[in-house]
Amino acid sequence: MAATPDTTTPDLTAVAARPKRADARRNYDKLVAAAREVFSEQESEATLEEISRRAGVGIGTLYRHFPTREDLLEAAYLGGVEEICAAAANHDGEEPWEALTGWLLEVVGFAATKRVLADEMFAYMDRQAPVFKSCAGAIYGAGEPLLLRAQEAGAVRADVDIADVTKMVSGIAGIRTPSRSRLNGSSRSPSTASARLPSRLIHRL
């Protein structure tokens, strides 16, 4: 069996501190959601002006929450990781195999956006930076109980660990194929193979 990964779950909310006031929190969340959407579509061509427009707030509001592009990138990345970690609890009442595969398909859904955001962050941050290690640990910690349940039920081989599984499905989800919009000259990002390949691969665990 592979070496057991570090699944200690860090406090990501301490890194991605959100405003306490309700109205400021709403604007913050809208900006983070819009950032994930725009970066996923436009990658390095994404602008803060377009993000603020999608969020329905002024550019001044964006800068009050995120003084730099890097601040917004990190908040979008961390927010997505937090959502994936929280999603594991949504599968607690399901059968072990359905719980694991259901969560992994949610991981697949975020994988392409996570890759785009990480690529942007690599321009100014080392790949071994603590934020990436913390996020990986959080995802492993969220998924490991689901994997262990599936292994105990005999639904998954005993010789895989959560790092193997999440890296496998995320890697497959990141396979890029030219999208119709890219072939037509649009700036929208390429599509991924996430619609088919990961689900087939998951069912071979």
C-alpha atoms as a PDB file:
ATOM      1  CA  MET A   1       0.000   0.000   0.000  1.00  0.00           C
ATOM      2  CA  ALA A   2       1.195   3.546  -0.775  1.00  0.00           C
ATOM      3  CA  ALA A   3       2.565   5.714   1.962  1.00  0.00           C
ATOM      4  CA  THR A   4      -0.178   7.274   4.018  1.00  0.00           C
ATOM      5  CA  PRO A   5      -0.587  10.931   3.072  1.00  0.00           C
ATOM      6  CA  ASP A   6      -0.707  13.737   5.577  1.00  0.00           C
ATOM      7  CA  THR A   7      -4.436  14.234   6.059  1.00  0.00           C
ATOM      8  CA  THR A   8      -4.247  16.743   8.876  1.00  0.00           C
ATOM      9  CA  THR A   9      -6.942  19.247   8.034  1.00  0.00           C
ATOM     10  CA  PRO A  10      -5.718  22.852   8.371  1.00  0.00           C
ATOM     11  CA  ASP A  11      -7.940  25.775   9.297  1.00  0.00           C
ATOM     12  CA  LEU A  12      -8.470  27.198   5.827  1.00  0.00           C
ATOM     13  CA  THR A  13     -10.910  29.796   7.098  1.00  0.00           C
ATOM     14  CA  ALA A  14      -8.063  31.408   8.995  1.00  0.00           C
ATOM     15  CA  VAL A  15      -6.264  31.924   5.694  1.00  0.00           C
ATOM     16  CA  ALA A  16      -9.323  32.983   3.708  1.00  0.00           C
ATOM     17  CA  ALA A  17     -10.759  35.373   6.312  1.00  0.00           C
ATOM     18  CA  ARG A  18     -14.192  36.667   5.313  1.00  0.00           C
ATOM     19  CA  PRO A  19     -15.879  39.916   6.360  1.00  0.00           C
ATOM     20  CA  LYS A  20     -18.157  39.719   9.382  1.00  0.00           C
ATOM     21  CA  ARG A  21     -20.810  42.187   8.208  1.00  0.00           C
ATOM     22  CA  ALA A  22     -23.567  40.483   6.230  1.00  0.00           C
ATOM     23  CA  ASP A  23     -23.572  42.902   3.294  1.00  0.00           C
ATOM     24  CA  ALA A  24     -19.777  42.844   2.997  1.00  0.00           C
ATOM     25  CA  ARG A  25     -19.819  39.047   3.224  1.00  0.00           C
ATOM     26  CA  ARG A  26     -22.334  38.859   0.369  1.00  0.00           C
ATOM     27  CA  ASN A  27     -20.165  41.038  -1.855  1.00  0.00           C
ATOM     28  CA  TYR A  28     -17.074  39.037  -0.914  1.00  0.00           C
ATOM     29  CA  ASP A  29     -18.755  35.748  -1.793  1.00  0.00           C
ATOM     30  CA  LYS A  30     -20.099  37.122  -5.088  1.00  0.00           C
ATOM     31  CA  LEU A  31     -16.619  38.316  -6.063  1.00  0.00           C
ATOM     32  CA  VAL A  32     -15.010  34.978  -5.214  1.00  0.00           C
ATOM     33  CA  ALA A  33     -17.634  33.049  -7.187  1.00  0.00           C
ATOM     34  CA  ALA A  34     -17.267  35.415 -10.152  1.00  0.00           C
ATOM     35  CA  ALA A  35     -13.474  35.109  -9.999  1.00  0.00           C
ATOM     36  CA  ARG A  36     -13.645  31.317 -10.255  1.00  0.00           C
ATOM     37  CA  GLU A  37     -16.000  31.611 -13.201  1.00  0.00           C
ATOM     38  CA  VAL A  38     -14.005  34.246 -15.097  1.00  0.00           C
ATOM     39  CA  PHE A  39     -10.584  32.699 -14.476  1.00  0.00           C
ATOM     40  CA  SER A  40     -11.957  29.316 -15.551  1.00  0.00           C
ATOM     41  CA  GLU A  41     -13.191  30.826 -18.810  1.00  0.00           C
ATOM     42  CA  GLN A  42     -10.470  33.355 -19.625  1.00  0.00           C
ATOM     43  CA  GLU A  43      -7.423  32.099 -17.678  1.00  0.00           C
ATOM     44  CA  SER A  44      -4.591  34.662 -17.732  1.00  0.00           C
ATOM     45  CA  GLU A  45      -6.704  37.066 -19.798  1.00  0.00           C
ATOM     46  CA  ALA A  46      -9.200  37.487 -16.959  1.00  0.00           C
ATOM     47  CA  THR A  47      -9.489  41.069 -15.746  1.00  0.00           C
ATOM     48  CA  LEU A  48     -10.590  42.414 -12.394  1.00  0.00           C
ATOM     49  CA  GLU A  49     -13.039  44.692 -14.208  1.00  0.00           C
ATOM     50  CA  GLU A  50     -14.791  41.696 -15.756  1.00  0.00           C
ATOM     51  CA  ILE A  51     -14.883  39.934 -12.408  1.00  0.00           C
ATOM     52  CA  SER A  52     -16.470  42.925 -10.689  1.00  0.00           C
ATOM     53  CA  ARG A  53     -18.990  43.220 -13.535  1.00  0.00           C
ATOM     54  CA  ARG A  54     -19.960  39.541 -13.231  1.00  0.00           C
ATOM     55  CA  ALA A  55     -20.283  39.916  -9.479  1.00  0.00           C
ATOM     56  CA  GLY A  56     -22.545  42.944  -9.900  1.00  0.00           C
ATOM     57  CA  VAL A  57     -20.381  45.231  -7.777  1.00  0.00           C
ATOM     58  CA  GLY A  58     -18.175  48.222  -8.503  1.00  0.00           C
ATOM     59  CA  ILE A  59     -14.447  47.904  -9.040  1.00  0.00           C
ATOM     60  CA  GLY A  60     -13.920  49.936  -5.860  1.00  0.00           C
ATOM     61  CA  THR A  61     -15.757  47.261  -3.872  1.00  0.00           C
ATOM     62  CA  LEU A  62     -13.509  44.615  -5.389  1.00  0.00           C
ATOM     63  CA  TYR A  63     -10.374  46.500  -4.367  1.00  0.00           C
ATOM     64  CA  ARG A  64     -11.674  47.036  -0.829  1.00  0.00           C
ATOM     65  CA  HIS A  65     -11.947  43.287  -0.391  1.00  0.00           C
ATOM     66  CA  PHE A  66      -8.985  42.300  -2.558  1.00  0.00           C
ATOM     67  CA  PRO A  67      -6.310  45.001  -2.882  1.00  0.00           C
ATOM     68  CA  THR A  68      -4.363  42.895  -5.399  1.00  0.00           C
ATOM     69  CA  ARG A  69      -5.105  40.334  -8.095  1.00  0.00           C
ATOM     70  CA  GLU A  70      -3.116  37.834  -6.034  1.00  0.00           C
ATOM     71  CA  ASP A  71      -5.423  38.326  -3.031  1.00  0.00           C
ATOM     72  CA  LEU A  72      -8.447  37.490  -5.176  1.00  0.00           C
ATOM     73  CA  LEU A  73      -6.771  34.473  -6.756  1.00  0.00           C
ATOM     74  CA  GLU A  74      -5.913  32.993  -3.388  1.00  0.00           C
ATOM     75  CA  ALA A  75      -9.402  33.616  -2.008  1.00  0.00           C
ATOM     76  CA  ALA A  76     -10.974  31.947  -5.043  1.00  0.00           C
ATOM     77  CA  TYR A  77      -8.639  28.969  -4.746  1.00  0.00           C
ATOM     78  CA  LEU A  78      -9.157  28.535  -1.015  1.00  0.00           C
ATOM     79  CA  GLY A  79     -12.903  29.038  -1.277  1.00  0.00           C
ATOM     80  CA  GLY A  80     -13.174  26.250  -3.825  1.00  0.00           C
ATOM     81  CA  VAL A  81     -11.133  23.905  -1.671  1.00  0.00           C
ATOM     82  CA  GLU A  82     -13.335  24.690   1.331  1.00  0.00           C
ATOM     83  CA  GLU A  83     -16.452  23.848  -0.696  1.00  0.00           C
ATOM     84  CA  ILE A  84     -15.007  20.523  -1.832  1.00  0.00           C
ATOM     85  CA  CYS A  85     -14.065  19.629   1.732  1.00  0.00           C
ATOM     86  CA  ALA A  86     -17.502  20.574   3.054  1.00  0.00           C
ATOM     87  CA  ALA A  87     -19.170  18.565   0.273  1.00  0.00           C
ATOM     88  CA  ALA A  88     -17.841  15.305   1.745  1.00  0.00           C
ATOM     89  CA  ALA A  89     -20.347  15.614   4.581  1.00  0.00           C
ATOM     90  CA  ASN A  90     -23.211  15.680   2.074  1.00  0.00           C
ATOM     91  CA  HIS A  91     -22.541  12.002   1.321  1.00  0.00           C
ATOM     92  CA  ASP A  92     -22.490  10.716   4.908  1.00  0.00           C
ATOM     93  CA  GLY A  93     -25.851   8.972   4.640  1.00  0.00           C
ATOM     94  CA  GLU A  94     -25.116   7.157   1.390  1.00  0.00           C
ATOM     95  CA  GLU A  95     -23.801   3.659   0.803  1.00  0.00           C
ATOM     96  CA  PRO A  96     -19.979   3.579   0.996  1.00  0.00           C
ATOM     97  CA  TRP A  97     -19.348   3.239  -2.735  1.00  0.00           C
ATOM     98  CA  GLU A  98     -21.943   5.849  -3.739  1.00  0.00           C
ATOM     99  CA  ALA A  99     -20.638   8.234  -1.092  1.00  0.00           C
ATOM    100  CA  LEU A 100     -17.050   7.986  -2.337  1.00  0.00           C
ATOM    101  CA  THR A 101     -17.847   8.241  -6.035  1.00  0.00           C
ATOM    102  CA  GLY A 102     -20.347  11.050  -5.497  1.00  0.00           C
ATOM    103  CA  TRP A 103     -17.733  13.133  -3.696  1.00  0.00           C
ATOM    104  CA  LEU A 104     -15.016  12.316  -6.211  1.00  0.00           C
ATOM    105  CA  LEU A 105     -17.213  13.519  -9.045  1.00  0.00           C
ATOM    106  CA  GLU A 106     -17.542  16.816  -7.169  1.00  0.00           C
ATOM    107  CA  VAL A 107     -13.744  16.929  -6.950  1.00  0.00           C
ATOM    108  CA  VAL A 108     -13.650  16.388 -10.700  1.00  0.00           C
ATOM    109  CA  GLY A 109     -16.032  19.299 -11.188  1.00  0.00           C
ATOM    110  CA  PHE A 110     -13.654  21.662  -9.402  1.00  0.00           C
ATOM    111  CA  ALA A 111     -10.423  20.209 -10.774  1.00  0.00           C
ATOM    112  CA  ALA A 112     -10.243  22.241 -13.989  1.00  0.00           C
ATOM    113  CA  THR A 113     -10.920  25.524 -12.182  1.00  0.00           C
ATOM    114  CA  LYS A 114      -8.426  24.605  -9.472  1.00  0.00           C
ATOM    115  CA  ARG A 115      -5.779  23.981 -12.129  1.00  0.00           C
ATOM    116  CA  VAL A 116      -6.363  27.375 -13.775  1.00  0.00           C
ATOM    117  CA  LEU A 117      -6.190  29.226 -10.455  1.00  0.00           C
ATOM    118  CA  ALA A 118      -3.078  27.312  -9.382  1.00  0.00           C
ATOM    119  CA  ASP A 119      -1.357  28.057 -12.690  1.00  0.00           C
ATOM    120  CA  GLU A 120      -1.955  31.763 -12.094  1.00  0.00           C
ATOM    121  CA  MET A 121      -0.630  31.488  -8.543  1.00  0.00           C
ATOM    122  CA  PHE A 122       2.510  29.653  -9.692  1.00  0.00           C
ATOM    123  CA  ALA A 123       3.566  32.880 -11.401  1.00  0.00           C
ATOM    124  CA  TYR A 124       4.365  34.390  -7.997  1.00  0.00           C
ATOM    125  CA  MET A 125       4.263  31.469  -5.572  1.00  0.00           C
ATOM    126  CA  ASP A 126       6.363  28.310  -5.255  1.00  0.00           C
ATOM    127  CA  ARG A 127       4.614  25.027  -5.981  1.00  0.00           C
ATOM    128  CA  GLN A 128       5.648  23.822  -2.519  1.00  0.00           C
ATOM    129  CA  ALA A 129       4.170  26.879  -0.789  1.00  0.00           C
ATOM    130  CA  PRO A 130       2.303  26.165   2.460  1.00  0.00           C
ATOM    131  CA  VAL A 131      -1.038  27.157   0.960  1.00  0.00           C
ATOM    132  CA  PHE A 132      -0.888  24.315  -1.581  1.00  0.00           C
ATOM    133  CA  LYS A 133       0.207  21.792   1.031  1.00  0.00           C
ATOM    134  CA  SER A 134      -2.567  22.930   3.362  1.00  0.00           C
ATOM    135  CA  CYS A 135      -5.196  22.642   0.661  1.00  0.00           C
ATOM    136  CA  ALA A 136      -4.008  19.180  -0.372  1.00  0.00           C
ATOM    137  CA  GLY A 137      -4.086  18.082   3.261  1.00  0.00           C
ATOM    138  CA  ALA A 138      -7.605  19.460   3.668  1.00  0.00           C
ATOM    139  CA  ILE A 139      -8.892  17.596   0.607  1.00  0.00           C
ATOM    140  CA  TYR A 140      -7.221  14.367   1.704  1.00  0.00           C
ATOM    141  CA  GLY A 141      -8.653  14.766   5.195  1.00  0.00           C
ATOM    142  CA  ALA A 142     -12.161  15.289   3.845  1.00  0.00           C
ATOM    143  CA  GLY A 143     -12.059  12.329   1.483  1.00  0.00           C
ATOM    144  CA  GLU A 144     -10.156   9.772   3.512  1.00  0.00           C
ATOM    145  CA  PRO A 145     -13.120   8.708   5.719  1.00  0.00           C
ATOM    146  CA  LEU A 146     -15.186   8.073   2.578  1.00  0.00           C
ATOM    147  CA  LEU A 147     -12.405   5.974   1.066  1.00  0.00           C
ATOM    148  CA  LEU A 148     -11.900   3.978   4.267  1.00  0.00           C
ATOM    149  CA  ARG A 149     -15.625   3.228   4.471  1.00  0.00           C
ATOM    150  CA  ALA A 150     -15.612   1.998   0.870  1.00  0.00           C
ATOM    151  CA  GLN A 151     -12.536  -0.149   1.536  1.00  0.00           C
ATOM    152  CA  GLU A 152     -14.064  -1.644   4.683  1.00  0.00           C
ATOM    153  CA  ALA A 153     -17.166  -2.509   2.641  1.00  0.00           C
ATOM    154  CA  GLY A 154     -14.993  -4.259   0.055  1.00  0.00           C
ATOM    155  CA  ALA A 155     -15.999  -1.801  -2.656  1.00  0.00           C
ATOM    156  CA  VAL A 156     -12.476  -0.420  -3.211  1.00  0.00           C
ATOM    157  CA  ARG A 157      -9.088  -2.136  -3.254  1.00  0.00           C
ATOM    158  CA  ALA A 158      -7.127  -1.894  -0.029  1.00  0.00           C
ATOM    159  CA  ASP A 159      -3.886  -0.911  -1.752  1.00  0.00           C
ATOM    160  CA  VAL A 160      -4.878   2.664  -2.666  1.00  0.00           C
ATOM    161  CA  ASP A 161      -4.914   5.750  -0.482  1.00  0.00           C
ATOM    162  CA  ILE A 162      -6.792   9.025  -0.744  1.00  0.00           C
ATOM    163  CA  ALA A 163      -3.831  10.835  -2.319  1.00  0.00           C
ATOM    164  CA  ASP A 164      -3.681   8.225  -5.105  1.00  0.00           C
ATOM    165  CA  VAL A 165      -7.394   8.517  -5.762  1.00  0.00           C
ATOM    166  CA  THR A 166      -7.762  12.306  -5.738  1.00  0.00           C
ATOM    167  CA  LYS A 167      -4.646  12.842  -7.847  1.00  0.00           C
ATOM    168  CA  MET A 168      -5.863  10.252 -10.342  1.00  0.00           C
ATOM    169  CA  VAL A 169      -9.310  11.742 -10.881  1.00  0.00           C
ATOM    170  CA  SER A 170      -8.032  15.327 -10.829  1.00  0.00           C
ATOM    171  CA  GLY A 171      -5.336  14.469 -13.354  1.00  0.00           C
ATOM    172  CA  ILE A 172      -7.814  12.857 -15.709  1.00  0.00           C
ATOM    173  CA  ALA A 173     -10.226  15.765 -15.285  1.00  0.00           C
ATOM    174  CA  GLY A 174      -7.424  18.108 -16.292  1.00  0.00           C
ATOM    175  CA  ILE A 175      -6.949  16.534 -19.721  1.00  0.00           C
ATOM    176  CA  ARG A 176      -7.701  19.365 -22.071  1.00  0.00           C
ATOM    177  CA  THR A 177      -9.298  19.161 -25.496  1.00  0.00           C
ATOM    178  CA  PRO A 178      -9.892  22.078 -27.878  1.00  0.00           C
ATOM    179  CA  SER A 179     -13.309  23.549 -27.258  1.00  0.00           C
ATOM    180  CA  ARG A 180     -15.587  24.822 -29.978  1.00  0.00           C
ATOM    181  CA  SER A 181     -15.162  28.393 -28.712  1.00  0.00           C
ATOM    182  CA  ARG A 182     -11.359  28.103 -28.842  1.00  0.00           C
ATOM    183  CA  LEU A 183     -11.539  26.749 -32.421  1.00  0.00           C
ATOM    184  CA  ASN A 184     -13.706  29.740 -33.316  1.00  0.00           C
ATOM    185  CA  GLY A 185     -11.112  32.115 -31.906  1.00  0.00           C
ATOM    186  CA  SER A 186     -12.861  32.878 -28.616  1.00  0.00           C
ATOM    187  CA  SER A 187     -10.867  33.558 -25.461  1.00  0.00           C
ATOM    188  CA  ARG A 188     -12.910  31.060 -23.443  1.00  0.00           C
ATOM    189  CA  SER A 189     -10.865  28.289 -21.887  1.00  0.00           C
ATOM    190  CA  PRO A 190     -10.644  24.744 -23.316  1.00  0.00           C
ATOM    191  CA  SER A 191     -13.091  22.092 -22.269  1.00  0.00           C
ATOM    192  CA  THR A 192     -11.949  19.138 -20.201  1.00  0.00           C
ATOM    193  CA  ALA A 193     -12.531  15.398 -20.291  1.00  0.00           C
ATOM    194  CA  SER A 194     -14.376  15.622 -16.986  1.00  0.00           C
ATOM    195  CA  ALA A 195     -17.706  14.626 -18.450  1.00  0.00           C
ATOM    196  CA  ARG A 196     -16.745  11.018 -19.164  1.00  0.00           C
ATOM    197  CA  LEU A 197     -13.244   9.803 -18.367  1.00  0.00           C
ATOM    198  CA  PRO A 198     -13.145  10.332 -14.575  1.00  0.00           C
ATOM    199  CA  SER A 199     -16.428   8.510 -13.908  1.00  0.00           C
ATOM    200  CA  ARG A 200     -15.215   5.541 -15.942  1.00  0.00           C
ATOM    201  CA  LEU A 201     -11.906   5.535 -14.105  1.00  0.00           C
ATOM    202  CA  ILE A 202     -13.528   5.845 -10.673  1.00  0.00           C
ATOM    203  CA  HIS A 203     -15.554   2.701 -11.350  1.00  0.00           C
ATOM    204  CA  ARG A 204     -12.312   0.743 -11.802  1.00  0.00           C
ATOM    205  CA  LEU A 205     -10.988   1.427  -8.312  1.00  0.00           C
END
